[in-house]
Amino acid sequence: MAVAQGSVAGTPAARDVFSEGLLDLLRPAVQQLDLHVHAVRESQVDLREHIDNLAAELCRINEDQKVTMDLDPYVKKLLNARRRVVLVNNILQNAQERLRRLNHSVAKETARRKALLESTAGCSPST
């Protein structure tokens, strides 16, 4: 069945209501995702600090040992893990920035559509 162009479902007001509903549906998900990304970034920073402290402590232990024990491979592994943590943190930071921009766009579009709906409702003749 073809829908006529003048039908209620195809009106700009119906599209605006649909768009606003879609934006209202997406906004909480975007905000929740943003909060989770922020929490993961904080834990990544903590992990990076712990890795740095552990690497420094291993170097100190290696220097203080009377018996020669080669801890350099372990320090290198820790530094490699730290590098990966920094890389993941950068990826998360970029994702969070994109989410922030998306959230801002959603809020701006919602405000624009509400203003448009209010102006359209105010201009319609009441008969």
PDB file of N, CA and C in Angstrom:
ATOM      1  N   MET A   1       0.827  -1.177   0.000  1.00  0.00           N
ATOM      2  CA  MET A   1       0.000   0.000   0.000  1.00  0.00           C
ATOM      3  C   MET A   1       0.874   1.244   0.000  1.00  0.00           C
ATOM      4  N   ALA A   2       0.605   2.134  -0.878  1.00  0.00           N
ATOM      5  CA  ALA A   2       1.353   3.379  -0.933  1.00  0.00           C
ATOM      6  C   ALA A   2       0.688   4.394  -0.009  1.00  0.00           C
ATOM      7  N   VAL A   3       1.491   5.188   0.664  1.00  0.00           N
ATOM      8  CA  VAL A   3       0.979   6.222   1.563  1.00  0.00           C
ATOM      9  C   VAL A   3       0.924   7.522   0.784  1.00  0.00           C
ATOM     10  N   ALA A   4      -0.196   8.181   0.835  1.00  0.00           N
ATOM     11  CA  ALA A   4      -0.368   9.454   0.129  1.00  0.00           C
ATOM     12  C   ALA A   4       0.529  10.505   0.755  1.00  0.00           C
ATOM     13  N   GLN A   5       0.984  11.438  -0.045  1.00  0.00           N
ATOM     14  CA  GLN A   5       1.890  12.463   0.446  1.00  0.00           C
ATOM     15  C   GLN A   5       1.241  13.352   1.490  1.00  0.00           C
ATOM     16  N   GLY A   6      -0.038  13.540   1.431  1.00  0.00           N
ATOM     17  CA  GLY A   6      -0.721  14.422   2.359  1.00  0.00           C
ATOM     18  C   GLY A   6      -1.178  13.713   3.621  1.00  0.00           C
ATOM     19  N   SER A   7      -0.801  12.461   3.814  1.00  0.00           N
ATOM     20  CA  SER A   7      -1.264  11.719   4.985  1.00  0.00           C
ATOM     21  C   SER A   7      -0.626  12.267   6.252  1.00  0.00           C
ATOM     22  N   VAL A   8      -1.218  11.933   7.378  1.00  0.00           N
ATOM     23  CA  VAL A   8      -0.741  12.422   8.673  1.00  0.00           C
ATOM     24  C   VAL A   8       0.663  11.905   8.976  1.00  0.00           C
ATOM     25  N   ALA A   9       0.942  10.644   8.593  1.00  0.00           N
ATOM     26  CA  ALA A   9       2.248  10.055   8.881  1.00  0.00           C
ATOM     27  C   ALA A   9       3.377  10.778   8.156  1.00  0.00           C
ATOM     28  N   GLY A  10       3.087  11.427   7.053  1.00  0.00           N
ATOM     29  CA  GLY A  10       4.127  12.086   6.289  1.00  0.00           C
ATOM     30  C   GLY A  10       4.258  13.564   6.584  1.00  0.00           C
ATOM     31  N   THR A  11       3.491  14.096   7.514  1.00  0.00           N
ATOM     32  CA  THR A  11       3.544  15.522   7.809  1.00  0.00           C
ATOM     33  C   THR A  11       4.823  15.868   8.544  1.00  0.00           C
ATOM     34  N   PRO A  12       5.257  17.113   8.383  1.00  0.00           N
ATOM     35  CA  PRO A  12       6.467  17.537   9.102  1.00  0.00           C
ATOM     36  C   PRO A  12       6.318  17.394  10.612  1.00  0.00           C
ATOM     37  N   ALA A  13       5.142  17.638  11.150  1.00  0.00           N
ATOM     38  CA  ALA A  13       4.943  17.518  12.595  1.00  0.00           C
ATOM     39  C   ALA A  13       5.138  16.076  13.044  1.00  0.00           C
ATOM     40  N   ALA A  14       4.633  15.128  12.254  1.00  0.00           N
ATOM     41  CA  ALA A  14       4.795  13.713  12.604  1.00  0.00           C
ATOM     42  C   ALA A  14       6.264  13.306  12.540  1.00  0.00           C
ATOM     43  N   ARG A  15       6.973  13.797  11.542  1.00  0.00           N
ATOM     44  CA  ARG A  15       8.410  13.502  11.444  1.00  0.00           C
ATOM     45  C   ARG A  15       9.154  14.111  12.613  1.00  0.00           C
ATOM     46  N   ASP A  16       8.771  15.323  13.010  1.00  0.00           N
ATOM     47  CA  ASP A  16       9.421  15.971  14.146  1.00  0.00           C
ATOM     48  C   ASP A  16       9.174  15.203  15.436  1.00  0.00           C
ATOM     49  N   VAL A  17       7.952  14.725  15.622  1.00  0.00           N
ATOM     50  CA  VAL A  17       7.631  13.946  16.813  1.00  0.00           C
ATOM     51  C   VAL A  17       8.439  12.654  16.819  1.00  0.00           C
ATOM     52  N   PHE A  18       8.531  12.005  15.653  1.00  0.00           N
ATOM     53  CA  PHE A  18       9.328  10.788  15.541  1.00  0.00           C
ATOM     54  C   PHE A  18      10.795  11.073  15.833  1.00  0.00           C
ATOM     55  N   SER A  19      11.317  12.152  15.258  1.00  0.00           N
ATOM     56  CA  SER A  19      12.727  12.509  15.470  1.00  0.00           C
ATOM     57  C   SER A  19      12.999  12.814  16.936  1.00  0.00           C
ATOM     58  N   GLU A  20      12.088  13.555  17.553  1.00  0.00           N
ATOM     59  CA  GLU A  20      12.274  13.885  18.964  1.00  0.00           C
ATOM     60  C   GLU A  20      12.239  12.629  19.823  1.00  0.00           C
ATOM     61  N   GLY A  21      11.333  11.719  19.493  1.00  0.00           N
ATOM     62  CA  GLY A  21      11.264  10.456  20.230  1.00  0.00           C
ATOM     63  C   GLY A  21      12.534   9.647  20.066  1.00  0.00           C
ATOM     64  N   LEU A  22      13.062   9.628  18.870  1.00  0.00           N
ATOM     65  CA  LEU A  22      14.309   8.907  18.605  1.00  0.00           C
ATOM     66  C   LEU A  22      15.466   9.539  19.369  1.00  0.00           C
ATOM     67  N   LEU A  23      15.530  10.857  19.366  1.00  0.00           N
ATOM     68  CA  LEU A  23      16.584  11.546  20.101  1.00  0.00           C
ATOM     69  C   LEU A  23      16.464  11.288  21.596  1.00  0.00           C
ATOM     70  N   ASP A  24      15.221  11.308  22.115  1.00  0.00           N
ATOM     71  CA  ASP A  24      15.011  11.020  23.536  1.00  0.00           C
ATOM     72  C   ASP A  24      15.405   9.588  23.872  1.00  0.00           C
ATOM     73  N   LEU A  25      15.249   8.683  22.926  1.00  0.00           N
ATOM     74  CA  LEU A  25      15.628   7.293  23.132  1.00  0.00           C
ATOM     75  C   LEU A  25      17.145   7.132  23.158  1.00  0.00           C
ATOM     76  N   LEU A  26      17.842   7.849  22.297  1.00  0.00           N
ATOM     77  CA  LEU A  26      19.293   7.708  22.185  1.00  0.00           C
ATOM     78  C   LEU A  26      20.058   8.453  23.272  1.00  0.00           C
ATOM     79  N   ARG A  27      19.528   9.569  23.744  1.00  0.00           N
ATOM     80  CA  ARG A  27      20.257  10.404  24.686  1.00  0.00           C
ATOM     81  C   ARG A  27      20.717   9.642  25.939  1.00  0.00           C
ATOM     82  N   PRO A  28      19.862   8.873  26.627  1.00  0.00           N
ATOM     83  CA  PRO A  28      20.319   8.155  27.820  1.00  0.00           C
ATOM     84  C   PRO A  28      21.422   7.137  27.508  1.00  0.00           C
ATOM     85  N   ALA A  29      21.320   6.472  26.367  1.00  0.00           N
ATOM     86  CA  ALA A  29      22.349   5.498  26.003  1.00  0.00           C
ATOM     87  C   ALA A  29      23.690   6.182  25.778  1.00  0.00           C
ATOM     88  N   VAL A  30      23.666   7.323  25.112  1.00  0.00           N
ATOM     89  CA  VAL A  30      24.902   8.066  24.856  1.00  0.00           C
ATOM     90  C   VAL A  30      25.495   8.563  26.177  1.00  0.00           C
ATOM     91  N   GLN A  31      24.650   9.065  27.062  1.00  0.00           N
ATOM     92  CA  GLN A  31      25.141   9.553  28.350  1.00  0.00           C
ATOM     93  C   GLN A  31      25.712   8.423  29.190  1.00  0.00           C
ATOM     94  N   GLN A  32      25.054   7.264  29.187  1.00  0.00           N
ATOM     95  CA  GLN A  32      25.546   6.125  29.962  1.00  0.00           C
ATOM     96  C   GLN A  32      26.871   5.629  29.398  1.00  0.00           C
ATOM     97  N   LEU A  33      26.965   5.559  28.091  1.00  0.00           N
ATOM     98  CA  LEU A  33      28.207   5.146  27.453  1.00  0.00           C
ATOM     99  C   LEU A  33      29.334   6.121  27.781  1.00  0.00           C
ATOM    100  N   ASP A  34      29.028   7.396  27.795  1.00  0.00           N
ATOM    101  CA  ASP A  34      30.017   8.409  28.134  1.00  0.00           C
ATOM    102  C   ASP A  34      30.517   8.221  29.566  1.00  0.00           C
ATOM    103  N   LEU A  35      29.609   7.933  30.490  1.00  0.00           N
ATOM    104  CA  LEU A  35      30.011   7.697  31.880  1.00  0.00           C
ATOM    105  C   LEU A  35      30.905   6.467  32.000  1.00  0.00           C
ATOM    106  N   HIS A  36      30.570   5.404  31.273  1.00  0.00           N
ATOM    107  CA  HIS A  36      31.390   4.191  31.325  1.00  0.00           C
ATOM    108  C   HIS A  36      32.775   4.430  30.720  1.00  0.00           C
ATOM    109  N   VAL A  37      32.828   5.150  29.632  1.00  0.00           N
ATOM    110  CA  VAL A  37      34.121   5.459  29.017  1.00  0.00           C
ATOM    111  C   VAL A  37      34.975   6.286  29.985  1.00  0.00           C
ATOM    112  N   HIS A  38      34.347   7.242  30.653  1.00  0.00           N
ATOM    113  CA  HIS A  38      35.075   8.064  31.626  1.00  0.00           C
ATOM    114  C   HIS A  38      35.628   7.191  32.759  1.00  0.00           C
ATOM    115  N   ALA A  39      34.829   6.255  33.262  1.00  0.00           N
ATOM    116  CA  ALA A  39      35.283   5.367  34.339  1.00  0.00           C
ATOM    117  C   ALA A  39      36.436   4.487  33.875  1.00  0.00           C
ATOM    118  N   VAL A  40      36.358   3.991  32.650  1.00  0.00           N
ATOM    119  CA  VAL A  40      37.438   3.149  32.122  1.00  0.00           C
ATOM    120  C   VAL A  40      38.708   3.967  31.953  1.00  0.00           C
ATOM    121  N   ARG A  41      38.565   5.204  31.491  1.00  0.00           N
ATOM    122  CA  ARG A  41      39.754   6.057  31.347  1.00  0.00           C
ATOM    123  C   ARG A  41      40.425   6.294  32.689  1.00  0.00           C
ATOM    124  N   GLU A  42      39.619   6.520  33.733  1.00  0.00           N
ATOM    125  CA  GLU A  42      40.203   6.716  35.065  1.00  0.00           C
ATOM    126  C   GLU A  42      40.941   5.464  35.525  1.00  0.00           C
ATOM    127  N   SER A  43      40.364   4.291  35.292  1.00  0.00           N
ATOM    128  CA  SER A  43      41.032   3.058  35.697  1.00  0.00           C
ATOM    129  C   SER A  43      42.297   2.827  34.870  1.00  0.00           C
ATOM    130  N   GLN A  44      42.284   3.242  33.613  1.00  0.00           N
ATOM    131  CA  GLN A  44      43.477   3.129  32.778  1.00  0.00           C
ATOM    132  C   GLN A  44      44.610   4.004  33.325  1.00  0.00           C
ATOM    133  N   VAL A  45      44.264   5.201  33.785  1.00  0.00           N
ATOM    134  CA  VAL A  45      45.275   6.090  34.366  1.00  0.00           C
ATOM    135  C   VAL A  45      45.838   5.462  35.639  1.00  0.00           C
ATOM    136  N   ASP A  46      44.969   4.898  36.475  1.00  0.00           N
ATOM    137  CA  ASP A  46      45.431   4.226  37.694  1.00  0.00           C
ATOM    138  C   ASP A  46      46.343   3.054  37.353  1.00  0.00           C
ATOM    139  N   LEU A  47      45.946   2.262  36.367  1.00  0.00           N
ATOM    140  CA  LEU A  47      46.759   1.116  35.961  1.00  0.00           C
ATOM    141  C   LEU A  47      48.115   1.565  35.454  1.00  0.00           C
ATOM    142  N   ARG A  48      48.135   2.626  34.668  1.00  0.00           N
ATOM    143  CA  ARG A  48      49.408   3.142  34.152  1.00  0.00           C
ATOM    144  C   ARG A  48      50.322   3.583  35.295  1.00  0.00           C
ATOM    145  N   GLU A  49      49.740   4.237  36.312  1.00  0.00           N
ATOM    146  CA  GLU A  49      50.535   4.657  37.470  1.00  0.00           C
ATOM    147  C   GLU A  49      51.080   3.457  38.230  1.00  0.00           C
ATOM    148  N   HIS A  50      50.264   2.421  38.389  1.00  0.00           N
ATOM    149  CA  HIS A  50      50.726   1.212  39.084  1.00  0.00           C
ATOM    150  C   HIS A  50      51.842   0.521  38.305  1.00  0.00           C
ATOM    151  N   ILE A  51      51.720   0.484  37.000  1.00  0.00           N
ATOM    152  CA  ILE A  51      52.769  -0.120  36.174  1.00  0.00           C
ATOM    153  C   ILE A  51      54.061   0.668  36.305  1.00  0.00           C
ATOM    154  N   ASP A  52      53.965   1.994  36.283  1.00  0.00           N
ATOM    155  CA  ASP A  52      55.161   2.826  36.445  1.00  0.00           C
ATOM    156  C   ASP A  52      55.824   2.564  37.801  1.00  0.00           C
ATOM    157  N   ASN A  53      55.006   2.510  38.855  1.00  0.00           N
ATOM    158  CA  ASN A  53      55.545   2.264  40.200  1.00  0.00           C
ATOM    159  C   ASN A  53      56.196   0.883  40.293  1.00  0.00           C
ATOM    160  N   LEU A  54      55.540  -0.120  39.707  1.00  0.00           N
ATOM    161  CA  LEU A  54      56.098  -1.472  39.738  1.00  0.00           C
ATOM    162  C   LEU A  54      57.398  -1.554  38.960  1.00  0.00           C
ATOM    163  N   ALA A  55      57.458  -0.906  37.811  1.00  0.00           N
ATOM    164  CA  ALA A  55      58.692  -0.908  37.020  1.00  0.00           C
ATOM    165  C   ALA A  55      59.827  -0.230  37.784  1.00  0.00           C
ATOM    166  N   ALA A  56      59.529   0.886  38.436  1.00  0.00           N
ATOM    167  CA  ALA A  56      60.552   1.577  39.230  1.00  0.00           C
ATOM    168  C   ALA A  56      61.006   0.708  40.400  1.00  0.00           C
ATOM    169  N   GLU A  57      60.055   0.036  41.042  1.00  0.00           N
ATOM    170  CA  GLU A  57      60.393  -0.833  42.168  1.00  0.00           C
ATOM    171  C   GLU A  57      61.238  -2.019  41.710  1.00  0.00           C
ATOM    172  N   LEU A  58      60.920  -2.602  40.568  1.00  0.00           N
ATOM    173  CA  LEU A  58      61.737  -3.705  40.045  1.00  0.00           C
ATOM    174  C   LEU A  58      63.150  -3.242  39.712  1.00  0.00           C
ATOM    175  N   CYS A  59      63.272  -2.056  39.157  1.00  0.00           N
ATOM    176  CA  CYS A  59      64.607  -1.519  38.872  1.00  0.00           C
ATOM    177  C   CYS A  59      65.392  -1.324  40.164  1.00  0.00           C
ATOM    178  N   ARG A  60      64.715  -0.791  41.194  1.00  0.00           N
ATOM    179  CA  ARG A  60      65.384  -0.580  42.478  1.00  0.00           C
ATOM    180  C   ARG A  60      65.798  -1.910  43.098  1.00  0.00           C
ATOM    181  N   ILE A  61      64.935  -2.900  43.037  1.00  0.00           N
ATOM    182  CA  ILE A  61      65.260  -4.228  43.586  1.00  0.00           C
ATOM    183  C   ILE A  61      66.419  -4.837  42.820  1.00  0.00           C
ATOM    184  N   ASN A  62      66.413  -4.694  41.535  1.00  0.00           N
ATOM    185  CA  ASN A  62      67.485  -5.236  40.701  1.00  0.00           C
ATOM    186  C   ASN A  62      68.824  -4.602  41.063  1.00  0.00           C
ATOM    187  N   GLU A  63      68.826  -3.302  41.342  1.00  0.00           N
ATOM    188  CA  GLU A  63      70.067  -2.619  41.711  1.00  0.00           C
ATOM    189  C   GLU A  63      70.537  -3.016  43.102  1.00  0.00           C
ATOM    190  N   ASP A  64      69.595  -3.273  44.029  1.00  0.00           N
ATOM    191  CA  ASP A  64      69.933  -3.599  45.409  1.00  0.00           C
ATOM    192  C   ASP A  64      70.317  -5.064  45.615  1.00  0.00           C
ATOM    193  N   GLN A  65      69.997  -5.933  44.675  1.00  0.00           N
ATOM    194  CA  GLN A  65      70.258  -7.372  44.827  1.00  0.00           C
ATOM    195  C   GLN A  65      71.754  -7.650  44.804  1.00  0.00           C
ATOM    196  N   LYS A  66      72.173  -8.492  45.743  1.00  0.00           N
ATOM    197  CA  LYS A  66      73.573  -8.926  45.733  1.00  0.00           C
ATOM    198  C   LYS A  66      73.755 -10.033  44.705  1.00  0.00           C
ATOM    199  N   VAL A  67      72.758 -10.899  44.634  1.00  0.00           N
ATOM    200  CA  VAL A  67      72.792 -11.959  43.638  1.00  0.00           C
ATOM    201  C   VAL A  67      72.284 -11.363  42.327  1.00  0.00           C
ATOM    202  N   THR A  68      73.031 -11.596  41.301  1.00  0.00           N
ATOM    203  CA  THR A  68      72.640 -11.025  40.017  1.00  0.00           C
ATOM    204  C   THR A  68      71.418 -11.770  39.477  1.00  0.00           C
ATOM    205  N   MET A  69      70.339 -11.009  39.368  1.00  0.00           N
ATOM    206  CA  MET A  69      69.107 -11.558  38.830  1.00  0.00           C
ATOM    207  C   MET A  69      68.646 -10.595  37.744  1.00  0.00           C
ATOM    208  N   ASP A  70      68.461 -11.120  36.585  1.00  0.00           N
ATOM    209  CA  ASP A  70      68.119 -10.260  35.459  1.00  0.00           C
ATOM    210  C   ASP A  70      66.612  -9.988  35.442  1.00  0.00           C
ATOM    211  N   LEU A  71      66.235  -8.795  35.889  1.00  0.00           N
ATOM    212  CA  LEU A  71      64.834  -8.393  35.889  1.00  0.00           C
ATOM    213  C   LEU A  71      64.492  -7.529  34.678  1.00  0.00           C
ATOM    214  N   ASP A  72      65.482  -7.262  33.846  1.00  0.00           N
ATOM    215  CA  ASP A  72      65.245  -6.405  32.682  1.00  0.00           C
ATOM    216  C   ASP A  72      64.130  -6.914  31.766  1.00  0.00           C
ATOM    217  N   PRO A  73      64.045  -8.221  31.498  1.00  0.00           N
ATOM    218  CA  PRO A  73      62.930  -8.671  30.642  1.00  0.00           C
ATOM    219  C   PRO A  73      61.564  -8.352  31.256  1.00  0.00           C
ATOM    220  N   TYR A  74      61.457  -8.439  32.566  1.00  0.00           N
ATOM    221  CA  TYR A  74      60.189  -8.149  33.235  1.00  0.00           C
ATOM    222  C   TYR A  74      59.871  -6.648  33.191  1.00  0.00           C
ATOM    223  N   VAL A  75      60.912  -5.859  33.352  1.00  0.00           N
ATOM    224  CA  VAL A  75      60.722  -4.413  33.254  1.00  0.00           C
ATOM    225  C   VAL A  75      60.280  -4.053  31.836  1.00  0.00           C
ATOM    226  N   LYS A  76      60.894  -4.687  30.841  1.00  0.00           N
ATOM    227  CA  LYS A  76      60.504  -4.423  29.450  1.00  0.00           C
ATOM    228  C   LYS A  76      59.057  -4.842  29.202  1.00  0.00           C
ATOM    229  N   LYS A  77      58.656  -5.972  29.783  1.00  0.00           N
ATOM    230  CA  LYS A  77      57.264  -6.408  29.630  1.00  0.00           C
ATOM    231  C   LYS A  77      56.309  -5.405  30.273  1.00  0.00           C
ATOM    232  N   LEU A  78      56.694  -4.898  31.442  1.00  0.00           N
ATOM    233  CA  LEU A  78      55.855  -3.902  32.101  1.00  0.00           C
ATOM    234  C   LEU A  78      55.755  -2.626  31.278  1.00  0.00           C
ATOM    235  N   LEU A  79      56.872  -2.198  30.734  1.00  0.00           N
ATOM    236  CA  LEU A  79      56.862  -0.991  29.906  1.00  0.00           C
ATOM    237  C   LEU A  79      56.045  -1.203  28.624  1.00  0.00           C
ATOM    238  N   ASN A  80      56.098  -2.420  28.083  1.00  0.00           N
ATOM    239  CA  ASN A  80      55.273  -2.732  26.917  1.00  0.00           C
ATOM    240  C   ASN A  80      53.796  -2.706  27.290  1.00  0.00           C
ATOM    241  N   ALA A  81      53.462  -3.248  28.463  1.00  0.00           N
ATOM    242  CA  ALA A  81      52.071  -3.208  28.934  1.00  0.00           C
ATOM    243  C   ALA A  81      51.633  -1.767  29.153  1.00  0.00           C
ATOM    244  N   ARG A  82      52.515  -0.946  29.692  1.00  0.00           N
ATOM    245  CA  ARG A  82      52.200   0.464  29.907  1.00  0.00           C
ATOM    246  C   ARG A  82      51.923   1.159  28.583  1.00  0.00           C
ATOM    247  N   ARG A  83      52.734   0.844  27.574  1.00  0.00           N
ATOM    248  CA  ARG A  83      52.543   1.440  26.254  1.00  0.00           C
ATOM    249  C   ARG A  83      51.169   1.074  25.699  1.00  0.00           C
ATOM    250  N   ARG A  84      50.779  -0.183  25.882  1.00  0.00           N
ATOM    251  CA  ARG A  84      49.457  -0.611  25.402  1.00  0.00           C
ATOM    252  C   ARG A  84      48.341   0.081  26.174  1.00  0.00           C
ATOM    253  N   VAL A  85      48.538   0.255  27.488  1.00  0.00           N
ATOM    254  CA  VAL A  85      47.532   0.956  28.289  1.00  0.00           C
ATOM    255  C   VAL A  85      47.375   2.391  27.799  1.00  0.00           C
ATOM    256  N   VAL A  86      48.477   3.041  27.507  1.00  0.00           N
ATOM    257  CA  VAL A  86      48.427   4.416  26.993  1.00  0.00           C
ATOM    258  C   VAL A  86      47.711   4.442  25.644  1.00  0.00           C
ATOM    259  N   LEU A  87      47.976   3.463  24.801  1.00  0.00           N
ATOM    260  CA  LEU A  87      47.319   3.399  23.499  1.00  0.00           C
ATOM    261  C   LEU A  87      45.810   3.232  23.661  1.00  0.00           C
ATOM    262  N   VAL A  88      45.404   2.315  24.540  1.00  0.00           N
ATOM    263  CA  VAL A  88      43.970   2.114  24.779  1.00  0.00           C
ATOM    264  C   VAL A  88      43.354   3.376  25.364  1.00  0.00           C
ATOM    265  N   ASN A  89      44.078   4.034  26.253  1.00  0.00           N
ATOM    266  CA  ASN A  89      43.576   5.270  26.850  1.00  0.00           C
ATOM    267  C   ASN A  89      43.354   6.344  25.791  1.00  0.00           C
ATOM    268  N   ASN A  90      44.263   6.444  24.837  1.00  0.00           N
ATOM    269  CA  ASN A  90      44.093   7.413  23.749  1.00  0.00           C
ATOM    270  C   ASN A  90      42.873   7.085  22.896  1.00  0.00           C
ATOM    271  N   ILE A  91      42.672   5.800  22.624  1.00  0.00           N
ATOM    272  CA  ILE A  91      41.499   5.391  21.849  1.00  0.00           C
ATOM    273  C   ILE A  91      40.226   5.743  22.610  1.00  0.00           C
ATOM    274  N   LEU A  92      40.212   5.461  23.907  1.00  0.00           N
ATOM    275  CA  LEU A  92      39.045   5.777  24.727  1.00  0.00           C
ATOM    276  C   LEU A  92      38.805   7.281  24.790  1.00  0.00           C
ATOM    277  N   GLN A  93      39.869   8.038  24.867  1.00  0.00           N
ATOM    278  CA  GLN A  93      39.736   9.489  24.917  1.00  0.00           C
ATOM    279  C   GLN A  93      39.107  10.014  23.623  1.00  0.00           C
ATOM    280  N   ASN A  94      39.540   9.469  22.493  1.00  0.00           N
ATOM    281  CA  ASN A  94      38.953   9.878  21.216  1.00  0.00           C
ATOM    282  C   ASN A  94      37.482   9.471  21.130  1.00  0.00           C
ATOM    283  N   ALA A  95      37.165   8.273  21.600  1.00  0.00           N
ATOM    284  CA  ALA A  95      35.772   7.814  21.592  1.00  0.00           C
ATOM    285  C   ALA A  95      34.913   8.686  22.501  1.00  0.00           C
ATOM    286  N   GLN A  96      35.454   9.049  23.654  1.00  0.00           N
ATOM    287  CA  GLN A  96      34.695   9.888  24.567  1.00  0.00           C
ATOM    288  C   GLN A  96      34.451  11.271  23.965  1.00  0.00           C
ATOM    289  N   GLU A  97      35.413  11.788  23.270  1.00  0.00           N
ATOM    290  CA  GLU A  97      35.241  13.095  22.617  1.00  0.00           C
ATOM    291  C   GLU A  97      34.158  13.013  21.543  1.00  0.00           C
ATOM    292  N   ARG A  98      34.157  11.926  20.774  1.00  0.00           N
ATOM    293  CA  ARG A  98      33.098  11.755  19.771  1.00  0.00           C
ATOM    294  C   ARG A  98      31.733  11.630  20.442  1.00  0.00           C
ATOM    295  N   LEU A  99      31.675  10.901  21.556  1.00  0.00           N
ATOM    296  CA  LEU A  99      30.411  10.784  22.294  1.00  0.00           C
ATOM    297  C   LEU A  99      29.957  12.129  22.831  1.00  0.00           C
ATOM    298  N   ARG A 100      30.895  12.922  23.313  1.00  0.00           N
ATOM    299  CA  ARG A 100      30.544  14.237  23.831  1.00  0.00           C
ATOM    300  C   ARG A 100      29.962  15.109  22.725  1.00  0.00           C
ATOM    301  N   ARG A 101      30.586  15.060  21.546  1.00  0.00           N
ATOM    302  CA  ARG A 101      30.077  15.830  20.412  1.00  0.00           C
ATOM    303  C   ARG A 101      28.710  15.322  19.969  1.00  0.00           C
ATOM    304  N   LEU A 102      28.519  14.004  19.964  1.00  0.00           N
ATOM    305  CA  LEU A 102      27.224  13.429  19.603  1.00  0.00           C
ATOM    306  C   LEU A 102      26.158  13.840  20.605  1.00  0.00           C
ATOM    307  N   ASN A 103      26.482  13.790  21.879  1.00  0.00           N
ATOM    308  CA  ASN A 103      25.536  14.200  22.921  1.00  0.00           C
ATOM    309  C   ASN A 103      25.172  15.670  22.760  1.00  0.00           C
ATOM    310  N   HIS A 104      26.150  16.484  22.451  1.00  0.00           N
ATOM    311  CA  HIS A 104      25.905  17.906  22.238  1.00  0.00           C
ATOM    312  C   HIS A 104      24.995  18.111  21.023  1.00  0.00           C
ATOM    313  N   SER A 105      25.259  17.367  19.960  1.00  0.00           N
ATOM    314  CA  SER A 105      24.426  17.477  18.754  1.00  0.00           C
ATOM    315  C   SER A 105      22.996  17.027  19.030  1.00  0.00           C
ATOM    316  N   VAL A 106      22.842  15.960  19.798  1.00  0.00           N
ATOM    317  CA  VAL A 106      21.506  15.475  20.148  1.00  0.00           C
ATOM    318  C   VAL A 106      20.761  16.530  20.953  1.00  0.00           C
ATOM    319  N   ALA A 107      21.435  17.127  21.923  1.00  0.00           N
ATOM    320  CA  ALA A 107      20.796  18.159  22.748  1.00  0.00           C
ATOM    321  C   ALA A 107      20.420  19.372  21.902  1.00  0.00           C
ATOM    322  N   LYS A 108      21.306  19.768  21.005  1.00  0.00           N
ATOM    323  CA  LYS A 108      21.037  20.921  20.148  1.00  0.00           C
ATOM    324  C   LYS A 108      19.875  20.644  19.204  1.00  0.00           C
ATOM    325  N   GLU A 109      19.860  19.453  18.619  1.00  0.00           N
ATOM    326  CA  GLU A 109      18.781  19.091  17.698  1.00  0.00           C
ATOM    327  C   GLU A 109      17.451  18.990  18.438  1.00  0.00           C
ATOM    328  N   THR A 110      17.473  18.462  19.653  1.00  0.00           N
ATOM    329  CA  THR A 110      16.245  18.365  20.449  1.00  0.00           C
ATOM    330  C   THR A 110      15.710  19.756  20.762  1.00  0.00           C
ATOM    331  N   ALA A 111      16.587  20.642  21.161  1.00  0.00           N
ATOM    332  CA  ALA A 111      16.162  22.009  21.462  1.00  0.00           C
ATOM    333  C   ALA A 111      15.616  22.692  20.209  1.00  0.00           C
ATOM    334  N   ARG A 112      16.251  22.472  19.072  1.00  0.00           N
ATOM    335  CA  ARG A 112      15.791  23.071  17.817  1.00  0.00           C
ATOM    336  C   ARG A 112      14.408  22.549  17.451  1.00  0.00           C
ATOM    337  N   ARG A 113      14.224  21.252  17.594  1.00  0.00           N
ATOM    338  CA  ARG A 113      12.928  20.656  17.237  1.00  0.00           C
ATOM    339  C   ARG A 113      11.824  21.085  18.202  1.00  0.00           C
ATOM    340  N   LYS A 114      12.153  21.205  19.474  1.00  0.00           N
ATOM    341  CA  LYS A 114      11.156  21.676  20.434  1.00  0.00           C
ATOM    342  C   LYS A 114      10.744  23.107  20.110  1.00  0.00           C
ATOM    343  N   ALA A 115      11.722  23.943  19.803  1.00  0.00           N
ATOM    344  CA  ALA A 115      11.413  25.325  19.441  1.00  0.00           C
ATOM    345  C   ALA A 115      10.566  25.368  18.174  1.00  0.00           C
ATOM    346  N   LEU A 116      10.877  24.517  17.218  1.00  0.00           N
ATOM    347  CA  LEU A 116      10.113  24.464  15.979  1.00  0.00           C
ATOM    348  C   LEU A 116       8.690  24.002  16.243  1.00  0.00           C
ATOM    349  N   LEU A 117       8.549  22.971  17.086  1.00  0.00           N
ATOM    350  CA  LEU A 117       7.202  22.481  17.422  1.00  0.00           C
ATOM    351  C   LEU A 117       6.401  23.543  18.172  1.00  0.00           C
ATOM    352  N   GLU A 118       7.060  24.236  19.096  1.00  0.00           N
ATOM    353  CA  GLU A 118       6.365  25.277  19.861  1.00  0.00           C
ATOM    354  C   GLU A 118       5.950  26.436  18.971  1.00  0.00           C
ATOM    355  N   SER A 119       6.833  26.801  18.043  1.00  0.00           N
ATOM    356  CA  SER A 119       6.474  27.908  17.136  1.00  0.00           C
ATOM    357  C   SER A 119       5.385  27.489  16.169  1.00  0.00           C
ATOM    358  N   THR A 120       5.408  26.236  15.734  1.00  0.00           N
ATOM    359  CA  THR A 120       4.366  25.733  14.845  1.00  0.00           C
ATOM    360  C   THR A 120       3.038  25.638  15.587  1.00  0.00           C
ATOM    361  N   ALA A 121       3.070  25.187  16.837  1.00  0.00           N
ATOM    362  CA  ALA A 121       1.840  25.080  17.636  1.00  0.00           C
ATOM    363  C   ALA A 121       1.287  26.468  17.941  1.00  0.00           C
ATOM    364  N   GLY A 122       2.138  27.441  18.148  1.00  0.00           N
ATOM    365  CA  GLY A 122       1.705  28.804  18.445  1.00  0.00           C
ATOM    366  C   GLY A 122       1.127  29.516  17.238  1.00  0.00           C
ATOM    367  N   CYS A 123       1.577  29.142  16.054  1.00  0.00           N
ATOM    368  CA  CYS A 123       1.131  29.788  14.815  1.00  0.00           C
ATOM    369  C   CYS A 123      -0.111  29.147  14.233  1.00  0.00           C
ATOM    370  N   SER A 124      -0.480  27.934  14.628  1.00  0.00           N
ATOM    371  CA  SER A 124      -1.631  27.260  14.028  1.00  0.00           C
ATOM    372  C   SER A 124      -2.923  27.943  14.468  1.00  0.00           C
ATOM    373  N   PRO A 125      -3.817  28.140  13.518  1.00  0.00           N
ATOM    374  CA  PRO A 125      -5.081  28.814  13.845  1.00  0.00           C
ATOM    375  C   PRO A 125      -5.986  27.891  14.651  1.00  0.00           C
ATOM    376  N   SER A 126      -6.620  28.421  15.672  1.00  0.00           N
ATOM    377  CA  SER A 126      -7.553  27.623  16.456  1.00  0.00           C
ATOM    378  C   SER A 126      -8.957  27.971  16.027  1.00  0.00           C
ATOM    379  N   THR A 127      -9.602  26.970  15.491  1.00  0.00           N
ATOM    380  CA  THR A 127     -10.936  27.184  14.961  1.00  0.00           C
ATOM    381  C   THR A 127     -11.951  26.412  15.736  1.00  0.00           C
TER     382      THR A 127
END
